[in-house]
């Protein structure tokens, strides 16, 4: 009789362990989901009778456009998105290759900016915004 009780308690212990481990897995997945999913943030700025909408997602922009349309807006015009860092880098590479024959000089400028403590993305944006990669035309 005591062997039966020991076996039952053993299997209940294993079942409890698996439920506990499954709970830990669900908790980890919930944390990852909370970190990964960023809520839709929308900022509306009014200037001279015009409203500028800034959002961190296309869904947020669509919701804001629908909102302004329902309020009777005459026109909702989307403004171009800020280009991705890799798109800027590819454009700079094209400019440097056509000007200097290779992308070595671009990599050197990015590295020198990174040595000053800024990230690669910030360095690419800075070089692009300063126009260092533009080809001079006569």
Protein backbone atom coordinates (compact mmCIF):
# COMPACT_ATOMS: atom_id res chain seq x y z
CA UNK A 1 0.00 0.00 0.00
CA UNK A 2 2.79 2.44 0.84
CA UNK A 3 4.45 1.78 -2.58
CA UNK A 4 1.27 2.90 -4.33
CA UNK A 5 1.20 6.14 -2.35
CA UNK A 6 4.89 6.76 -3.10
CA UNK A 7 4.33 6.18 -6.84
CA UNK A 8 1.27 8.49 -6.85
CA UNK A 9 3.19 11.22 -5.01
CA UNK A 10 6.13 10.78 -7.40
CA UNK A 11 3.93 11.29 -10.47
CA UNK A 12 2.14 14.22 -8.84
CA UNK A 13 5.55 15.76 -8.16
CA UNK A 14 6.57 15.29 -11.80
CA UNK A 15 3.28 16.80 -12.94
CA UNK A 16 3.80 19.77 -10.63
CA UNK A 17 7.33 20.22 -11.97
CA UNK A 18 6.12 20.26 -15.59
CA UNK A 19 3.34 22.74 -14.75
CA UNK A 20 5.92 24.93 -13.00
CA UNK A 21 8.31 24.79 -15.98
CA UNK A 22 5.45 25.50 -18.39
CA UNK A 23 4.54 28.54 -16.27
CA UNK A 24 8.11 29.81 -16.44
CA UNK A 25 8.08 29.38 -20.23
CA UNK A 26 4.82 31.33 -20.50
CA UNK A 27 6.23 34.07 -18.29
CA UNK A 28 9.35 34.37 -20.48
CA UNK A 29 7.20 34.52 -23.62
CA UNK A 30 5.03 37.23 -22.04
CA UNK A 31 8.10 39.33 -21.21
CA UNK A 32 9.47 38.95 -24.75
CA UNK A 33 6.07 39.90 -26.20
CA UNK A 34 5.85 42.98 -23.97
CA UNK A 35 9.33 44.09 -25.02
CA UNK A 36 8.80 43.34 -28.70
CA UNK A 37 5.37 44.92 -29.13
CA UNK A 38 5.63 48.66 -28.96
CA UNK A 39 2.31 50.48 -28.60
CA UNK A 40 1.28 52.80 -31.38
CA UNK A 41 2.41 56.28 -30.42
CA UNK A 42 0.94 59.26 -32.24
CA UNK A 43 2.03 62.89 -31.85
CA UNK A 44 -0.05 65.68 -33.38
CA UNK A 45 1.46 69.13 -33.85
CA UNK A 46 -0.65 72.09 -35.02
CA UNK A 47 0.94 74.96 -36.96
CA UNK A 48 -0.76 77.60 -39.11
CA UNK A 49 -4.00 75.65 -39.44
CA UNK A 50 -2.18 72.49 -40.50
CA UNK A 51 -1.66 69.40 -38.41
CA UNK A 52 1.46 67.26 -38.59
CA UNK A 53 1.07 63.70 -37.37
CA UNK A 54 4.08 61.71 -36.24
CA UNK A 55 3.62 58.01 -35.52
CA UNK A 56 5.92 55.07 -34.87
CA UNK A 57 3.95 52.71 -37.14
CA UNK A 58 1.90 52.65 -40.30
CA UNK A 59 -1.11 51.51 -38.31
CA UNK A 60 -0.82 54.59 -36.13
CA UNK A 61 -0.68 56.84 -39.20
CA UNK A 62 -3.71 55.12 -40.71
CA UNK A 63 -5.66 55.54 -37.47
CA UNK A 64 -4.76 59.25 -37.33
CA UNK A 65 -5.68 59.76 -41.00
CA UNK A 66 -9.04 58.10 -40.40
CA UNK A 67 -9.58 60.29 -37.35
CA UNK A 68 -8.88 63.51 -39.25
CA UNK A 69 -11.05 62.39 -42.16
CA UNK A 70 -13.94 61.71 -39.78
CA UNK A 71 -13.48 65.23 -38.37
CA UNK A 72 -13.98 66.63 -41.86
CA UNK A 73 -10.41 67.25 -42.95
CA UNK A 74 -10.23 68.48 -46.53
CA UNK A 75 -7.06 66.60 -47.31
CA UNK A 76 -4.80 64.08 -45.65
CA UNK A 77 -1.40 63.98 -47.33
CA UNK A 78 1.22 61.48 -46.23
CA UNK A 79 4.74 62.83 -46.06
CA UNK A 80 7.68 60.63 -47.01
CA UNK A 81 9.22 58.48 -44.35
CA UNK A 82 12.74 58.98 -43.10
CA UNK A 83 14.94 56.55 -45.02
CA UNK A 84 16.41 53.52 -43.32
CA UNK A 85 20.07 53.72 -42.26
CA UNK A 86 21.00 50.89 -44.62
CA UNK A 87 19.32 52.76 -47.52
CA UNK A 88 21.37 55.84 -46.65
CA UNK A 89 24.52 53.71 -46.44
CA UNK A 90 23.82 52.11 -49.83
CA UNK A 91 23.31 55.54 -51.38
CA UNK A 92 26.53 56.83 -49.81
CA UNK A 93 28.40 53.75 -51.06
CA UNK A 94 27.15 54.46 -54.58
CA UNK A 95 28.29 58.07 -54.35
CA UNK A 96 31.70 57.21 -52.91
CA UNK A 97 32.30 54.46 -55.46
CA UNK A 98 31.42 56.79 -58.33
CA UNK A 99 33.61 59.55 -56.89
CA UNK A 100 36.54 57.73 -55.27
CA UNK A 101 36.40 54.34 -56.94
CA UNK A 102 35.71 52.42 -53.72
CA UNK A 103 33.90 52.65 -50.41
CA UNK A 104 37.14 52.65 -48.40
CA UNK A 105 36.99 56.41 -47.74
CA UNK A 106 33.38 56.13 -46.51
CA UNK A 107 34.30 53.31 -44.14
CA UNK A 108 37.22 55.39 -42.88
CA UNK A 109 34.95 58.39 -42.17
CA UNK A 110 32.39 56.18 -40.41
CA UNK A 111 35.15 54.62 -38.29
CA UNK A 112 36.57 58.03 -37.36
CA UNK A 113 33.13 59.18 -36.19
CA UNK A 114 32.60 55.93 -34.29
CA UNK A 115 35.95 56.47 -32.56
CA UNK A 116 34.49 59.74 -31.23
CA UNK A 117 31.81 57.73 -29.44
CA UNK A 118 28.77 57.75 -31.70
CA UNK A 119 27.08 54.68 -33.12
CA UNK A 120 27.43 53.45 -36.69
CA UNK A 121 23.86 54.51 -37.50
CA UNK A 122 24.41 58.02 -36.16
CA UNK A 123 27.67 58.29 -38.10
CA UNK A 124 25.96 57.29 -41.36
CA UNK A 125 23.14 59.79 -40.76
CA UNK A 126 25.65 62.53 -39.92
CA UNK A 127 27.73 61.92 -43.05
CA UNK A 128 24.58 61.80 -45.16
CA UNK A 129 23.12 64.98 -43.64
CA UNK A 130 26.39 66.90 -43.98
CA UNK A 131 26.52 65.96 -47.64
CA UNK A 132 30.01 64.51 -47.40
CA UNK A 133 29.03 61.87 -49.91
CA UNK A 134 27.68 64.22 -52.55
CA UNK A 135 29.36 64.32 -55.92
CA UNK A 136 30.43 67.78 -57.02
CA UNK A 137 29.07 68.86 -60.39
CA UNK A 138 30.58 71.51 -62.58
